[in-house]
PDB file of N, CA and C in Angstrom:
ATOM      1  N   MET A   1     -82.104   9.173  17.936  1.00  0.00           N
ATOM      2  CA  MET A   1     -81.685   7.825  17.605  1.00  0.00           C
ATOM      3  C   MET A   1     -81.753   7.629  16.096  1.00  0.00           C
ATOM      4  N   GLU A   2     -80.750   6.960  15.561  1.00  0.00           N
ATOM      5  CA  GLU A   2     -80.693   6.747  14.124  1.00  0.00           C
ATOM      6  C   GLU A   2     -81.621   5.616  13.703  1.00  0.00           C
ATOM      7  N   THR A   3     -82.256   5.805  12.571  1.00  0.00           N
ATOM      8  CA  THR A   3     -83.028   4.716  11.990  1.00  0.00           C
ATOM      9  C   THR A   3     -82.137   3.992  11.002  1.00  0.00           C
ATOM     10  N   ARG A   4     -82.612   2.859  10.532  1.00  0.00           N
ATOM     11  CA  ARG A   4     -81.801   2.080   9.587  1.00  0.00           C
ATOM     12  C   ARG A   4     -81.438   2.880   8.339  1.00  0.00           C
ATOM     13  N   SER A   5     -82.348   3.682   7.842  1.00  0.00           N
ATOM     14  CA  SER A   5     -82.085   4.428   6.618  1.00  0.00           C
ATOM     15  C   SER A   5     -81.064   5.543   6.822  1.00  0.00           C
ATOM     16  N   GLN A   6     -80.830   5.972   8.065  1.00  0.00           N
ATOM     17  CA  GLN A   6     -79.888   7.052   8.330  1.00  0.00           C
ATOM     18  C   GLN A   6     -78.484   6.551   8.639  1.00  0.00           C
ATOM     19  N   ARG A   7     -78.325   5.270   8.898  1.00  0.00           N
ATOM     20  CA  ARG A   7     -77.005   4.731   9.228  1.00  0.00           C
ATOM     21  C   ARG A   7     -76.116   4.704   7.997  1.00  0.00           C
ATOM     22  N   PRO A   8     -74.822   4.997   8.191  1.00  0.00           N
ATOM     23  CA  PRO A   8     -73.896   4.884   7.059  1.00  0.00           C
ATOM     24  C   PRO A   8     -73.794   3.434   6.603  1.00  0.00           C
ATOM     25  N   LYS A   9     -73.659   3.252   5.316  1.00  0.00           N
ATOM     26  CA  LYS A   9     -73.595   1.895   4.778  1.00  0.00           C
ATOM     27  C   LYS A   9     -72.236   1.661   4.130  1.00  0.00           C
ATOM     28  N   GLY A  10     -71.899   0.407   3.948  1.00  0.00           N
ATOM     29  CA  GLY A  10     -70.670   0.049   3.258  1.00  0.00           C
ATOM     30  C   GLY A  10     -69.437   0.464   4.015  1.00  0.00           C
ATOM     31  N   ARG A  11     -68.466   0.979   3.277  1.00  0.00           N
ATOM     32  CA  ARG A  11     -67.183   1.330   3.898  1.00  0.00           C
ATOM     33  C   ARG A  11     -67.327   2.466   4.901  1.00  0.00           C
ATOM     34  N   ASP A  12     -68.260   3.398   4.655  1.00  0.00           N
ATOM     35  CA  ASP A  12     -68.468   4.489   5.612  1.00  0.00           C
ATOM     36  C   ASP A  12     -68.984   3.949   6.930  1.00  0.00           C
ATOM     37  N   GLY A  13     -69.865   2.964   6.857  1.00  0.00           N
ATOM     38  CA  GLY A  13     -70.378   2.342   8.066  1.00  0.00           C
ATOM     39  C   GLY A  13     -69.301   1.596   8.818  1.00  0.00           C
ATOM     40  N   PHE A  14     -68.413   0.932   8.074  1.00  0.00           N
ATOM     41  CA  PHE A  14     -67.325   0.191   8.693  1.00  0.00           C
ATOM     42  C   PHE A  14     -66.363   1.132   9.412  1.00  0.00           C
ATOM     43  N   LEU A  15     -65.982   2.208   8.743  1.00  0.00           N
ATOM     44  CA  LEU A  15     -65.072   3.179   9.361  1.00  0.00           C
ATOM     45  C   LEU A  15     -65.729   3.874  10.550  1.00  0.00           C
ATOM     46  N   SER A  16     -67.008   4.166  10.422  1.00  0.00           N
ATOM     47  CA  SER A  16     -67.732   4.777  11.523  1.00  0.00           C
ATOM     48  C   SER A  16     -67.773   3.841  12.728  1.00  0.00           C
ATOM     49  N   ALA A  17     -68.039   2.570  12.487  1.00  0.00           N
ATOM     50  CA  ALA A  17     -68.078   1.591  13.577  1.00  0.00           C
ATOM     51  C   ALA A  17     -66.704   1.439  14.226  1.00  0.00           C
ATOM     52  N   LEU A  18     -65.649   1.445  13.424  1.00  0.00           N
ATOM     53  CA  LEU A  18     -64.296   1.363  13.976  1.00  0.00           C
ATOM     54  C   LEU A  18     -63.988   2.578  14.848  1.00  0.00           C
ATOM     55  N   ASN A  19     -64.358   3.756  14.374  1.00  0.00           N
ATOM     56  CA  ASN A  19     -64.116   4.972  15.154  1.00  0.00           C
ATOM     57  C   ASN A  19     -64.855   4.941  16.483  1.00  0.00           C
ATOM     58  N   VAL A  20     -66.100   4.502  16.467  1.00  0.00           N
ATOM     59  CA  VAL A  20     -66.883   4.425  17.695  1.00  0.00           C
ATOM     60  C   VAL A  20     -66.272   3.414  18.654  1.00  0.00           C
ATOM     61  N   ALA A  21     -65.847   2.270  18.127  1.00  0.00           N
ATOM     62  CA  ALA A  21     -65.238   1.246  18.979  1.00  0.00           C
ATOM     63  C   ALA A  21     -63.943   1.742  19.605  1.00  0.00           C
ATOM     64  N   ILE A  22     -63.126   2.431  18.822  1.00  0.00           N
ATOM     65  CA  ILE A  22     -61.860   2.958  19.335  1.00  0.00           C
ATOM     66  C   ILE A  22     -62.124   3.998  20.424  1.00  0.00           C
ATOM     67  N   GLU A  23     -63.065   4.880  20.186  1.00  0.00           N
ATOM     68  CA  GLU A  23     -63.385   5.905  21.185  1.00  0.00           C
ATOM     69  C   GLU A  23     -63.950   5.292  22.468  1.00  0.00           C
ATOM     70  N   ALA A  24     -64.825   4.295  22.321  1.00  0.00           N
ATOM     71  CA  ALA A  24     -65.420   3.646  23.498  1.00  0.00           C
ATOM     72  C   ALA A  24     -64.352   2.921  24.316  1.00  0.00           C
ATOM     73  N   LEU A  25     -63.440   2.233  23.627  1.00  0.00           N
ATOM     74  CA  LEU A  25     -62.376   1.532  24.339  1.00  0.00           C
ATOM     75  C   LEU A  25     -61.417   2.513  25.007  1.00  0.00           C
ATOM     76  N   ASP A  26     -61.163   3.630  24.368  1.00  0.00           N
ATOM     77  CA  ASP A  26     -60.294   4.638  24.972  1.00  0.00           C
ATOM     78  C   ASP A  26     -60.922   5.190  26.247  1.00  0.00           C
ATOM     79  N   LEU A  27     -62.210   5.431  26.201  1.00  0.00           N
ATOM     80  CA  LEU A  27     -62.913   5.894  27.399  1.00  0.00           C
ATOM     81  C   LEU A  27     -62.876   4.823  28.498  1.00  0.00           C
ATOM     82  N   ALA A  28     -63.108   3.568  28.123  1.00  0.00           N
ATOM     83  CA  ALA A  28     -63.065   2.473  29.103  1.00  0.00           C
ATOM     84  C   ALA A  28     -61.674   2.348  29.717  1.00  0.00           C
ATOM     85  N   LYS A  29     -60.654   2.549  28.896  1.00  0.00           N
ATOM     86  CA  LYS A  29     -59.277   2.482  29.397  1.00  0.00           C
ATOM     87  C   LYS A  29     -59.008   3.597  30.407  1.00  0.00           C
ATOM     88  N   GLU A  30     -59.515   4.790  30.113  1.00  0.00           N
ATOM     89  CA  GLU A  30     -59.300   5.932  31.003  1.00  0.00           C
ATOM     90  C   GLU A  30     -59.992   5.771  32.350  1.00  0.00           C
ATOM     91  N   ILE A  31     -61.191   5.189  32.363  1.00  0.00           N
ATOM     92  CA  ILE A  31     -61.932   5.106  33.616  1.00  0.00           C
ATOM     93  C   ILE A  31     -61.678   3.803  34.375  1.00  0.00           C
ATOM     94  N   SER A  32     -60.965   2.869  33.758  1.00  0.00           N
ATOM     95  CA  SER A  32     -60.694   1.599  34.417  1.00  0.00           C
ATOM     96  C   SER A  32     -59.676   1.771  35.541  1.00  0.00           C
ATOM     97  N   CYS A  33     -59.918   1.065  36.641  1.00  0.00           N
ATOM     98  CA  CYS A  33     -59.013   1.122  37.797  1.00  0.00           C
ATOM     99  C   CYS A  33     -58.080  -0.081  37.840  1.00  0.00           C
ATOM    100  N   ILE A  34     -58.307  -1.041  36.975  1.00  0.00           N
ATOM    101  CA  ILE A  34     -57.549  -2.293  37.004  1.00  0.00           C
ATOM    102  C   ILE A  34     -56.470  -2.238  35.926  1.00  0.00           C
ATOM    103  N   SER A  35     -55.214  -2.365  36.333  1.00  0.00           N
ATOM    104  CA  SER A  35     -54.095  -2.251  35.393  1.00  0.00           C
ATOM    105  C   SER A  35     -54.141  -3.267  34.253  1.00  0.00           C
ATOM    106  N   PRO A  36     -54.424  -4.557  34.520  1.00  0.00           N
ATOM    107  CA  PRO A  36     -54.498  -5.499  33.393  1.00  0.00           C
ATOM    108  C   PRO A  36     -55.593  -5.130  32.387  1.00  0.00           C
ATOM    109  N   ALA A  37     -56.705  -4.591  32.881  1.00  0.00           N
ATOM    110  CA  ALA A  37     -57.772  -4.171  31.969  1.00  0.00           C
ATOM    111  C   ALA A  37     -57.308  -3.011  31.102  1.00  0.00           C
ATOM    112  N   LYS A  38     -56.571  -2.071  31.696  1.00  0.00           N
ATOM    113  CA  LYS A  38     -56.038  -0.952  30.922  1.00  0.00           C
ATOM    114  C   LYS A  38     -55.109  -1.449  29.822  1.00  0.00           C
ATOM    115  N   ALA A  39     -54.303  -2.443  30.142  1.00  0.00           N
ATOM    116  CA  ALA A  39     -53.379  -2.996  29.147  1.00  0.00           C
ATOM    117  C   ALA A  39     -54.141  -3.668  28.003  1.00  0.00           C
ATOM    118  N   VAL A  40     -55.194  -4.392  28.343  1.00  0.00           N
ATOM    119  CA  VAL A  40     -55.996  -5.059  27.309  1.00  0.00           C
ATOM    120  C   VAL A  40     -56.707  -4.030  26.441  1.00  0.00           C
ATOM    121  N   PHE A  41     -57.315  -3.030  27.065  1.00  0.00           N
ATOM    122  CA  PHE A  41     -57.985  -1.989  26.284  1.00  0.00           C
ATOM    123  C   PHE A  41     -56.995  -1.292  25.354  1.00  0.00           C
ATOM    124  N   GLY A  42     -55.812  -0.997  25.862  1.00  0.00           N
ATOM    125  CA  GLY A  42     -54.799  -0.346  25.039  1.00  0.00           C
ATOM    126  C   GLY A  42     -54.376  -1.202  23.859  1.00  0.00           C
ATOM    127  N   SER A  43     -54.213  -2.505  24.088  1.00  0.00           N
ATOM    128  CA  SER A  43     -53.820  -3.415  23.011  1.00  0.00           C
ATOM    129  C   SER A  43     -54.902  -3.508  21.941  1.00  0.00           C
ATOM    130  N   VAL A  44     -56.156  -3.577  22.365  1.00  0.00           N
ATOM    131  CA  VAL A  44     -57.254  -3.664  21.405  1.00  0.00           C
ATOM    132  C   VAL A  44     -57.384  -2.359  20.620  1.00  0.00           C
ATOM    133  N   ILE A  45     -57.161  -1.241  21.281  1.00  0.00           N
ATOM    134  CA  ILE A  45     -57.186   0.054  20.582  1.00  0.00           C
ATOM    135  C   ILE A  45     -56.118   0.086  19.494  1.00  0.00           C
ATOM    136  N   VAL A  46     -54.931  -0.379  19.819  1.00  0.00           N
ATOM    137  CA  VAL A  46     -53.848  -0.403  18.827  1.00  0.00           C
ATOM    138  C   VAL A  46     -54.218  -1.314  17.663  1.00  0.00           C
ATOM    139  N   LEU A  47     -54.761  -2.474  17.949  1.00  0.00           N
ATOM    140  CA  LEU A  47     -55.149  -3.416  16.895  1.00  0.00           C
ATOM    141  C   LEU A  47     -56.225  -2.815  15.992  1.00  0.00           C
ATOM    142  N   LEU A  48     -57.251  -2.226  16.569  1.00  0.00           N
ATOM    143  CA  LEU A  48     -58.308  -1.608  15.762  1.00  0.00           C
ATOM    144  C   LEU A  48     -57.788  -0.432  14.946  1.00  0.00           C
ATOM    145  N   THR A  49     -56.864   0.329  15.503  1.00  0.00           N
ATOM    146  CA  THR A  49     -56.272   1.442  14.763  1.00  0.00           C
ATOM    147  C   THR A  49     -55.466   0.928  13.573  1.00  0.00           C
ATOM    148  N   MET A  50     -54.742  -0.167  13.766  1.00  0.00           N
ATOM    149  CA  MET A  50     -53.985  -0.759  12.657  1.00  0.00           C
ATOM    150  C   MET A  50     -54.924  -1.244  11.558  1.00  0.00           C
ATOM    151  N   ILE A  51     -56.027  -1.857  11.942  1.00  0.00           N
ATOM    152  CA  ILE A  51     -57.013  -2.312  10.953  1.00  0.00           C
ATOM    153  C   ILE A  51     -57.580  -1.111  10.201  1.00  0.00           C
ATOM    154  N   LYS A  52     -57.895  -0.050  10.922  1.00  0.00           N
ATOM    155  CA  LYS A  52     -58.441   1.155  10.301  1.00  0.00           C
ATOM    156  C   LYS A  52     -57.464   1.767   9.305  1.00  0.00           C
ATOM    157  N   VAL A  53     -56.204   1.881   9.699  1.00  0.00           N
ATOM    158  CA  VAL A  53     -55.191   2.471   8.815  1.00  0.00           C
ATOM    159  C   VAL A  53     -55.019   1.627   7.560  1.00  0.00           C
ATOM    160  N   ARG A  54     -54.986   0.320   7.723  1.00  0.00           N
ATOM    161  CA  ARG A  54     -54.826  -0.571   6.570  1.00  0.00           C
ATOM    162  C   ARG A  54     -56.037  -0.481   5.649  1.00  0.00           C
ATOM    163  N   PHE A  55     -57.233  -0.450   6.235  1.00  0.00           N
ATOM    164  CA  PHE A  55     -58.457  -0.362   5.447  1.00  0.00           C
ATOM    165  C   PHE A  55     -58.496   0.935   4.647  1.00  0.00           C
ATOM    166  N   VAL A  56     -58.117   2.038   5.279  1.00  0.00           N
ATOM    167  CA  VAL A  56     -58.126   3.330   4.601  1.00  0.00           C
ATOM    168  C   VAL A  56     -57.096   3.340   3.469  1.00  0.00           C
ATOM    169  N   SER A  57     -55.928   2.744   3.694  1.00  0.00           N
ATOM    170  CA  SER A  57     -54.908   2.730   2.628  1.00  0.00           C
ATOM    171  C   SER A  57     -55.375   1.885   1.442  1.00  0.00           C
ATOM    172  N   ILE A  58     -56.079   0.804   1.708  1.00  0.00           N
ATOM    173  CA  ILE A  58     -56.617  -0.021   0.618  1.00  0.00           C
ATOM    174  C   ILE A  58     -57.669   0.769  -0.156  1.00  0.00           C
ATOM    175  N   LEU A  59     -58.522   1.499   0.566  1.00  0.00           N
ATOM    176  CA  LEU A  59     -59.543   2.307  -0.104  1.00  0.00           C
ATOM    177  C   LEU A  59     -58.925   3.386  -0.978  1.00  0.00           C
ATOM    178  N   ARG A  60     -57.853   3.999  -0.491  1.00  0.00           N
ATOM    179  CA  ARG A  60     -57.196   5.052  -1.287  1.00  0.00           C
ATOM    180  C   ARG A  60     -56.599   4.475  -2.561  1.00  0.00           C
ATOM    181  N   ARG A  61     -55.956   3.304  -2.436  1.00  0.00           N
ATOM    182  CA  ARG A  61     -55.397   2.679  -3.641  1.00  0.00           C
ATOM    183  C   ARG A  61     -56.498   2.320  -4.617  1.00  0.00           C
ATOM    184  N   TRP A  62     -57.594   1.794  -4.100  1.00  0.00           N
ATOM    185  CA  TRP A  62     -58.711   1.405  -4.953  1.00  0.00           C
ATOM    186  C   TRP A  62     -59.315   2.621  -5.640  1.00  0.00           C
ATOM    187  N   ALA A  63     -59.471   3.705  -4.899  1.00  0.00           N
ATOM    188  CA  ALA A  63     -60.062   4.930  -5.453  1.00  0.00           C
ATOM    189  C   ALA A  63     -59.164   5.559  -6.513  1.00  0.00           C
ATOM    190  N   SER A  64     -57.849   5.401  -6.344  1.00  0.00           N
ATOM    191  CA  SER A  64     -56.938   5.997  -7.327  1.00  0.00           C
ATOM    192  C   SER A  64     -56.787   5.136  -8.569  1.00  0.00           C
ATOM    193  N   GLY A  65     -57.321   3.912  -8.526  1.00  0.00           N
ATOM    194  CA  GLY A  65     -57.238   3.034  -9.688  1.00  0.00           C
ATOM    195  C   GLY A  65     -55.979   2.221  -9.758  1.00  0.00           C
ATOM    196  N   SER A  66     -55.150   2.239  -8.704  1.00  0.00           N
ATOM    197  CA  SER A  66     -53.904   1.487  -8.756  1.00  0.00           C
ATOM    198  C   SER A  66     -54.086   0.018  -8.372  1.00  0.00           C
ATOM    199  N   CYS A  67     -55.264  -0.346  -7.906  1.00  0.00           N
ATOM    200  CA  CYS A  67     -55.543  -1.762  -7.628  1.00  0.00           C
ATOM    201  C   CYS A  67     -55.930  -2.428  -8.926  1.00  0.00           C
ATOM    202  N   VAL A  68     -55.099  -3.311  -9.380  1.00  0.00           N
ATOM    203  CA  VAL A  68     -55.333  -4.000 -10.637  1.00  0.00           C
ATOM    204  C   VAL A  68     -55.896  -5.376 -10.349  1.00  0.00           C
ATOM    205  N   SER A  69     -56.876  -5.757 -11.099  1.00  0.00           N
ATOM    206  CA  SER A  69     -57.481  -7.071 -10.923  1.00  0.00           C
ATOM    207  C   SER A  69     -56.472  -8.159 -11.276  1.00  0.00           C
ATOM    208  N   ARG A  70     -56.418  -9.195 -10.482  1.00  0.00           N
ATOM    209  CA  ARG A  70     -55.488 -10.289 -10.726  1.00  0.00           C
ATOM    210  C   ARG A  70     -56.137 -11.409 -11.518  1.00  0.00           C
ATOM    211  N   ILE A  71     -57.366 -11.204 -11.950  1.00  0.00           N
ATOM    212  CA  ILE A  71     -58.057 -12.233 -12.733  1.00  0.00           C
ATOM    213  C   ILE A  71     -57.575 -12.151 -14.180  1.00  0.00           C
ATOM    214  N   PRO A  72     -57.100 -13.273 -14.734  1.00  0.00           N
ATOM    215  CA  PRO A  72     -56.583 -13.245 -16.117  1.00  0.00           C
ATOM    216  C   PRO A  72     -57.659 -13.023 -17.146  1.00  0.00           C
TER     217      PRO A  72
END
């Protein structure tokens, strides 16, 4: 079991949590016997994946220095 000091922090923690949530929902979708539940799990997986992709693209832009501050 992880202690607080071993958990990823910041953006790594956020991406890790997103990955775990996506994997857990995918497993729930696979073992679910109810069609509406499968549809909901699938929709949430897609939404979380979109958030993850957008977050990663923002991080890449920020890391490359192309994010310019809009403060005058």
